[in-house]
Amino acid sequence: MAVLALIKLTVISFLWITPRFPPSPILEPMVIRQAMAATNPAPAERPVPGPAPSPMDNATSAQAQGPQSTEQALDKRERDLRILEAEVNQKLETLRALEIKVQSLLDSAKALREEKMQHLVDVYSNMKPRQAAQVLENLEESIAVKILAGMTGRKAGEVLSAVRPDKAAQLSTALTRLQTTAKGN
């Protein structure tokens, strides 16, 4: 509705403002009808039917026509509701299937991340402590901490002993924080 009002207002203001084309009582309704037709598809093209008449409207008109038409109106309404219910159920099933698929993708992505992190841990564990320390000093703290957490205690201690004292303190604090939050969960 707001779109139609906006289009009407735009067309009318355009016709009034444009000096070459003064508004014409014959042209104006035609332009408005064309604009409305462009924004409103034909009834057969509409994807969603308009608002359903209220049960009171159906009951009143049906009562005026007799009990048989009331029953027919109720049957039609019940069929429509069953069709809508089936559509909703189908969409719910589709959403559930998508949810399962997304969860599966998330799980596989998590497993892949963990696998890659374990590979990094293995790489750093197989390096000489001084070499591993030099690289860990330049890595992002969260990654360095995860690598250290994956190492055996002895290997992590050897690597930390080769790291600069200030950086070793930061990494130790972050490592402690990571281990205490992991135990808390």
C-alpha atoms as a PDB file:
ATOM      1  CA  MET A   1       0.000   0.000   0.000  1.00  0.00           C
ATOM      2  CA  ALA A   2       2.758   2.418   0.909  1.00  0.00           C
ATOM      3  CA  VAL A   3       4.512   1.668  -2.381  1.00  0.00           C
ATOM      4  CA  LEU A   4       1.381   2.491  -4.335  1.00  0.00           C
ATOM      5  CA  ALA A   5       0.917   5.740  -2.467  1.00  0.00           C
ATOM      6  CA  LEU A   6       4.556   6.631  -3.092  1.00  0.00           C
ATOM      7  CA  ILE A   7       4.249   5.855  -6.804  1.00  0.00           C
ATOM      8  CA  LYS A   8       1.056   7.883  -7.084  1.00  0.00           C
ATOM      9  CA  LEU A   9       2.649  10.777  -5.265  1.00  0.00           C
ATOM     10  CA  THR A  10       5.751  10.590  -7.465  1.00  0.00           C
ATOM     11  CA  VAL A  11       3.746  10.477 -10.693  1.00  0.00           C
ATOM     12  CA  ILE A  12       1.442  13.304  -9.669  1.00  0.00           C
ATOM     13  CA  SER A  13       4.269  15.515  -8.416  1.00  0.00           C
ATOM     14  CA  PHE A  14       6.246  14.803 -11.593  1.00  0.00           C
ATOM     15  CA  LEU A  15       3.278  15.805 -13.720  1.00  0.00           C
ATOM     16  CA  TRP A  16       2.688  18.994 -11.725  1.00  0.00           C
ATOM     17  CA  ILE A  17       6.346  20.037 -11.582  1.00  0.00           C
ATOM     18  CA  THR A  18       7.252  19.398 -15.207  1.00  0.00           C
ATOM     19  CA  PRO A  19       6.424  22.628 -17.110  1.00  0.00           C
ATOM     20  CA  ARG A  20       6.376  20.966 -20.549  1.00  0.00           C
ATOM     21  CA  PHE A  21       3.660  18.542 -19.521  1.00  0.00           C
ATOM     22  CA  PRO A  22       1.048  20.291 -17.391  1.00  0.00           C
ATOM     23  CA  PRO A  23      -1.278  17.918 -15.577  1.00  0.00           C
ATOM     24  CA  SER A  24      -4.159  16.818 -17.666  1.00  0.00           C
ATOM     25  CA  PRO A  25      -7.369  15.471 -16.161  1.00  0.00           C
ATOM     26  CA  ILE A  26      -7.427  12.807 -18.887  1.00  0.00           C
ATOM     27  CA  LEU A  27      -3.719  11.882 -18.824  1.00  0.00           C
ATOM     28  CA  GLU A  28      -3.250  11.820 -15.037  1.00  0.00           C
ATOM     29  CA  PRO A  29      -5.604   8.899 -14.207  1.00  0.00           C
ATOM     30  CA  MET A  30      -4.188   6.926 -17.139  1.00  0.00           C
ATOM     31  CA  VAL A  31      -0.601   7.397 -15.899  1.00  0.00           C
ATOM     32  CA  ILE A  32      -1.616   6.476 -12.369  1.00  0.00           C
ATOM     33  CA  ARG A  33      -3.383   3.328 -13.637  1.00  0.00           C
ATOM     34  CA  GLN A  34      -0.292   2.338 -15.618  1.00  0.00           C
ATOM     35  CA  ALA A  35       1.944   2.871 -12.576  1.00  0.00           C
ATOM     36  CA  MET A  36      -0.409   0.824 -10.421  1.00  0.00           C
ATOM     37  CA  ALA A  37      -0.546  -1.948 -13.024  1.00  0.00           C
ATOM     38  CA  ALA A  38       3.248  -2.034 -13.158  1.00  0.00           C
ATOM     39  CA  THR A  39       3.524  -2.475  -9.394  1.00  0.00           C
ATOM     40  CA  ASN A  40       0.565  -4.837  -8.960  1.00  0.00           C
ATOM     41  CA  PRO A  41       0.808  -8.064 -10.945  1.00  0.00           C
ATOM     42  CA  ALA A  42      -2.332  -9.514 -12.422  1.00  0.00           C
ATOM     43  CA  PRO A  43      -4.371 -11.598  -9.972  1.00  0.00           C
ATOM     44  CA  ALA A  44      -3.146 -14.838 -11.586  1.00  0.00           C
ATOM     45  CA  GLU A  45       0.494 -13.785 -11.046  1.00  0.00           C
ATOM     46  CA  ARG A  46       0.175 -12.903  -7.378  1.00  0.00           C
ATOM     47  CA  PRO A  47       2.182 -15.354  -5.245  1.00  0.00           C
ATOM     48  CA  VAL A  48       0.196 -14.795  -2.068  1.00  0.00           C
ATOM     49  CA  PRO A  49      -3.574 -14.361  -2.040  1.00  0.00           C
ATOM     50  CA  GLY A  50      -5.009 -11.317  -0.340  1.00  0.00           C
ATOM     51  CA  PRO A  51      -6.327 -11.454   3.187  1.00  0.00           C
ATOM     52  CA  ALA A  52      -8.929 -14.131   3.671  1.00  0.00           C
ATOM     53  CA  PRO A  53     -12.400 -12.974   4.542  1.00  0.00           C
ATOM     54  CA  SER A  54     -13.189 -13.283   8.180  1.00  0.00           C
ATOM     55  CA  PRO A  55     -15.235 -16.248   9.350  1.00  0.00           C
ATOM     56  CA  MET A  56     -17.993 -13.853  10.318  1.00  0.00           C
ATOM     57  CA  ASP A  57     -18.233 -12.547   6.722  1.00  0.00           C
ATOM     58  CA  ASN A  58     -18.397 -16.088   5.360  1.00  0.00           C
ATOM     59  CA  ALA A  59     -20.930 -17.161   7.960  1.00  0.00           C
ATOM     60  CA  THR A  60     -23.163 -14.133   7.352  1.00  0.00           C
ATOM     61  CA  SER A  61     -23.190 -14.483   3.571  1.00  0.00           C
ATOM     62  CA  ALA A  62     -23.501 -18.248   3.827  1.00  0.00           C
ATOM     63  CA  GLN A  63     -26.433 -17.994   6.234  1.00  0.00           C
ATOM     64  CA  ALA A  64     -28.169 -15.710   3.821  1.00  0.00           C
ATOM     65  CA  GLN A  65     -27.787 -18.377   1.127  1.00  0.00           C
ATOM     66  CA  GLY A  66     -28.713 -21.315   3.320  1.00  0.00           C
ATOM     67  CA  PRO A  67     -27.195 -24.088   5.422  1.00  0.00           C
ATOM     68  CA  GLN A  68     -25.802 -25.978   2.429  1.00  0.00           C
ATOM     69  CA  SER A  69     -23.703 -23.000   1.324  1.00  0.00           C
ATOM     70  CA  THR A  70     -22.492 -22.546   4.918  1.00  0.00           C
ATOM     71  CA  GLU A  71     -21.274 -26.112   4.910  1.00  0.00           C
ATOM     72  CA  GLN A  72     -19.612 -25.644   1.527  1.00  0.00           C
ATOM     73  CA  ALA A  73     -17.871 -22.479   2.715  1.00  0.00           C
ATOM     74  CA  LEU A  74     -16.622 -24.271   5.824  1.00  0.00           C
ATOM     75  CA  ASP A  75     -15.425 -27.230   3.750  1.00  0.00           C
ATOM     76  CA  LYS A  76     -13.571 -24.922   1.389  1.00  0.00           C
ATOM     77  CA  ARG A  77     -11.983 -23.083   4.294  1.00  0.00           C
ATOM     78  CA  GLU A  78     -10.958 -26.396   5.878  1.00  0.00           C
ATOM     79  CA  ARG A  79      -9.376 -27.569   2.592  1.00  0.00           C
ATOM     80  CA  ASP A  80      -7.488 -24.281   2.306  1.00  0.00           C
ATOM     81  CA  LEU A  81      -6.212 -24.652   5.858  1.00  0.00           C
ATOM     82  CA  ARG A  82      -5.070 -28.217   5.180  1.00  0.00           C
ATOM     83  CA  ILE A  83      -3.197 -27.070   2.080  1.00  0.00           C
ATOM     84  CA  LEU A  84      -1.515 -24.296   4.048  1.00  0.00           C
ATOM     85  CA  GLU A  85      -0.669 -26.711   6.848  1.00  0.00           C
ATOM     86  CA  ALA A  86       0.907 -29.113   4.359  1.00  0.00           C
ATOM     87  CA  GLU A  87       2.980 -26.266   2.881  1.00  0.00           C
ATOM     88  CA  VAL A  88       4.136 -25.189   6.330  1.00  0.00           C
ATOM     89  CA  ASN A  89       5.036 -28.774   7.250  1.00  0.00           C
ATOM     90  CA  GLN A  90       7.000 -29.159   4.012  1.00  0.00           C
ATOM     91  CA  LYS A  91       8.917 -25.948   4.718  1.00  0.00           C
ATOM     92  CA  LEU A  92       9.624 -27.103   8.271  1.00  0.00           C
ATOM     93  CA  GLU A  93      11.028 -30.379   6.965  1.00  0.00           C
ATOM     94  CA  THR A  94      13.198 -28.473   4.511  1.00  0.00           C
ATOM     95  CA  LEU A  95      14.462 -26.232   7.302  1.00  0.00           C
ATOM     96  CA  ARG A  96      15.208 -29.232   9.519  1.00  0.00           C
ATOM     97  CA  ALA A  97      17.160 -30.873   6.706  1.00  0.00           C
ATOM     98  CA  LEU A  98      19.102 -27.646   6.164  1.00  0.00           C
ATOM     99  CA  GLU A  99      19.785 -27.362   9.886  1.00  0.00           C
ATOM    100  CA  ILE A 100      21.181 -30.897   9.950  1.00  0.00           C
ATOM    101  CA  LYS A 101      23.319 -30.158   6.905  1.00  0.00           C
ATOM    102  CA  VAL A 102      24.672 -26.912   8.400  1.00  0.00           C
ATOM    103  CA  GLN A 103      25.434 -28.646  11.694  1.00  0.00           C
ATOM    104  CA  SER A 104      27.263 -31.370   9.808  1.00  0.00           C
ATOM    105  CA  LEU A 105      29.306 -28.776   7.935  1.00  0.00           C
ATOM    106  CA  LEU A 106      30.115 -26.970  11.193  1.00  0.00           C
ATOM    107  CA  ASP A 107      31.203 -30.225  12.810  1.00  0.00           C
ATOM    108  CA  SER A 108      33.443 -31.122   9.889  1.00  0.00           C
ATOM    109  CA  ALA A 109      34.946 -27.620   9.865  1.00  0.00           C
ATOM    110  CA  LYS A 110      35.664 -27.916  13.586  1.00  0.00           C
ATOM    111  CA  ALA A 111      37.268 -31.318  13.095  1.00  0.00           C
ATOM    112  CA  LEU A 112      39.391 -29.941  10.253  1.00  0.00           C
ATOM    113  CA  ARG A 113      40.520 -26.985  12.406  1.00  0.00           C
ATOM    114  CA  GLU A 114      41.450 -29.352  15.214  1.00  0.00           C
ATOM    115  CA  GLU A 115      43.311 -31.590  12.780  1.00  0.00           C
ATOM    116  CA  LYS A 116      45.273 -28.645  11.397  1.00  0.00           C
ATOM    117  CA  MET A 117      46.057 -27.410  14.901  1.00  0.00           C
ATOM    118  CA  GLN A 118      47.295 -30.888  15.858  1.00  0.00           C
ATOM    119  CA  HIS A 119      49.507 -30.854  12.777  1.00  0.00           C
ATOM    120  CA  LEU A 120      50.962 -27.495  13.884  1.00  0.00           C
ATOM    121  CA  VAL A 121      51.556 -28.890  17.361  1.00  0.00           C
ATOM    122  CA  ASP A 122      53.397 -31.848  15.846  1.00  0.00           C
ATOM    123  CA  VAL A 123      55.502 -29.558  13.652  1.00  0.00           C
ATOM    124  CA  TYR A 124      56.504 -27.312  16.557  1.00  0.00           C
ATOM    125  CA  SER A 125      57.078 -30.292  18.836  1.00  0.00           C
ATOM    126  CA  ASN A 126      59.549 -31.729  16.336  1.00  0.00           C
ATOM    127  CA  MET A 127      61.487 -28.465  16.029  1.00  0.00           C
ATOM    128  CA  LYS A 128      64.414 -27.621  18.224  1.00  0.00           C
ATOM    129  CA  PRO A 129      63.235 -25.636  21.268  1.00  0.00           C
ATOM    130  CA  ARG A 130      65.129 -22.444  20.230  1.00  0.00           C
ATOM    131  CA  GLN A 131      63.718 -22.521  16.702  1.00  0.00           C
ATOM    132  CA  ALA A 132      60.192 -23.133  17.962  1.00  0.00           C
ATOM    133  CA  ALA A 133      60.600 -20.321  20.505  1.00  0.00           C
ATOM    134  CA  GLN A 134      61.670 -17.835  17.824  1.00  0.00           C
ATOM    135  CA  VAL A 135      58.651 -18.623  15.706  1.00  0.00           C
ATOM    136  CA  LEU A 136      56.202 -18.678  18.641  1.00  0.00           C
ATOM    137  CA  GLU A 137      57.384 -15.224  19.731  1.00  0.00           C
ATOM    138  CA  ASN A 138      56.146 -13.825  16.409  1.00  0.00           C
ATOM    139  CA  LEU A 139      52.878 -15.751  16.180  1.00  0.00           C
ATOM    140  CA  GLU A 140      49.546 -14.401  17.300  1.00  0.00           C
ATOM    141  CA  GLU A 141      49.224 -15.094  21.027  1.00  0.00           C
ATOM    142  CA  SER A 142      46.070 -17.209  20.780  1.00  0.00           C
ATOM    143  CA  ILE A 143      47.650 -19.530  18.206  1.00  0.00           C
ATOM    144  CA  ALA A 144      50.931 -19.768  20.122  1.00  0.00           C
ATOM    145  CA  VAL A 145      49.012 -20.670  23.289  1.00  0.00           C
ATOM    146  CA  LYS A 146      47.021 -23.386  21.498  1.00  0.00           C
ATOM    147  CA  ILE A 147      50.246 -24.846  20.118  1.00  0.00           C
ATOM    148  CA  LEU A 148      51.855 -24.831  23.559  1.00  0.00           C
ATOM    149  CA  ALA A 149      48.720 -26.367  25.093  1.00  0.00           C
ATOM    150  CA  GLY A 150      48.906 -29.230  22.607  1.00  0.00           C
ATOM    151  CA  MET A 151      52.541 -30.023  23.405  1.00  0.00           C
ATOM    152  CA  THR A 152      53.652 -32.289  26.187  1.00  0.00           C
ATOM    153  CA  GLY A 153      54.537 -30.444  29.378  1.00  0.00           C
ATOM    154  CA  ARG A 154      58.225 -31.150  28.969  1.00  0.00           C
ATOM    155  CA  LYS A 155      58.380 -29.934  25.358  1.00  0.00           C
ATOM    156  CA  ALA A 156      56.318 -26.809  26.129  1.00  0.00           C
ATOM    157  CA  GLY A 157      58.680 -26.045  29.036  1.00  0.00           C
ATOM    158  CA  GLU A 158      61.733 -26.370  26.797  1.00  0.00           C
ATOM    159  CA  VAL A 159      60.212 -24.035  24.216  1.00  0.00           C
ATOM    160  CA  LEU A 160      59.062 -21.489  26.816  1.00  0.00           C
ATOM    161  CA  SER A 161      62.538 -21.431  28.378  1.00  0.00           C
ATOM    162  CA  ALA A 162      63.924 -20.256  25.023  1.00  0.00           C
ATOM    163  CA  VAL A 163      61.322 -17.481  24.606  1.00  0.00           C
ATOM    164  CA  ARG A 164      62.046 -13.904  25.740  1.00  0.00           C
ATOM    165  CA  PRO A 165      61.131 -13.576  29.439  1.00  0.00           C
ATOM    166  CA  ASP A 166      58.384 -10.957  28.915  1.00  0.00           C
ATOM    167  CA  LYS A 167      56.807 -12.942  26.066  1.00  0.00           C
ATOM    168  CA  ALA A 168      57.143 -16.192  28.059  1.00  0.00           C
ATOM    169  CA  ALA A 169      55.242 -14.551  30.934  1.00  0.00           C
ATOM    170  CA  GLN A 170      52.455 -13.453  28.575  1.00  0.00           C
ATOM    171  CA  LEU A 171      52.210 -16.879  26.987  1.00  0.00           C
ATOM    172  CA  SER A 172      52.245 -18.618  30.384  1.00  0.00           C
ATOM    173  CA  THR A 173      49.443 -16.389  31.657  1.00  0.00           C
ATOM    174  CA  ALA A 174      47.365 -16.985  28.533  1.00  0.00           C
ATOM    175  CA  LEU A 175      48.107 -20.721  28.700  1.00  0.00           C
ATOM    176  CA  THR A 176      46.961 -20.849  32.320  1.00  0.00           C
ATOM    177  CA  ARG A 177      43.801 -18.920  31.412  1.00  0.00           C
ATOM    178  CA  LEU A 178      43.084 -21.330  28.547  1.00  0.00           C
ATOM    179  CA  GLN A 179      43.597 -24.401  30.719  1.00  0.00           C
ATOM    180  CA  THR A 180      41.430 -23.087  33.574  1.00  0.00           C
ATOM    181  CA  THR A 181      38.564 -22.169  31.235  1.00  0.00           C
ATOM    182  CA  ALA A 182      38.846 -25.582  29.559  1.00  0.00           C
ATOM    183  CA  LYS A 183      38.548 -27.312  32.933  1.00  0.00           C
ATOM    184  CA  GLY A 184      35.637 -25.035  33.926  1.00  0.00           C
ATOM    185  CA  ASN A 185      33.600 -26.143  30.898  1.00  0.00           C
END
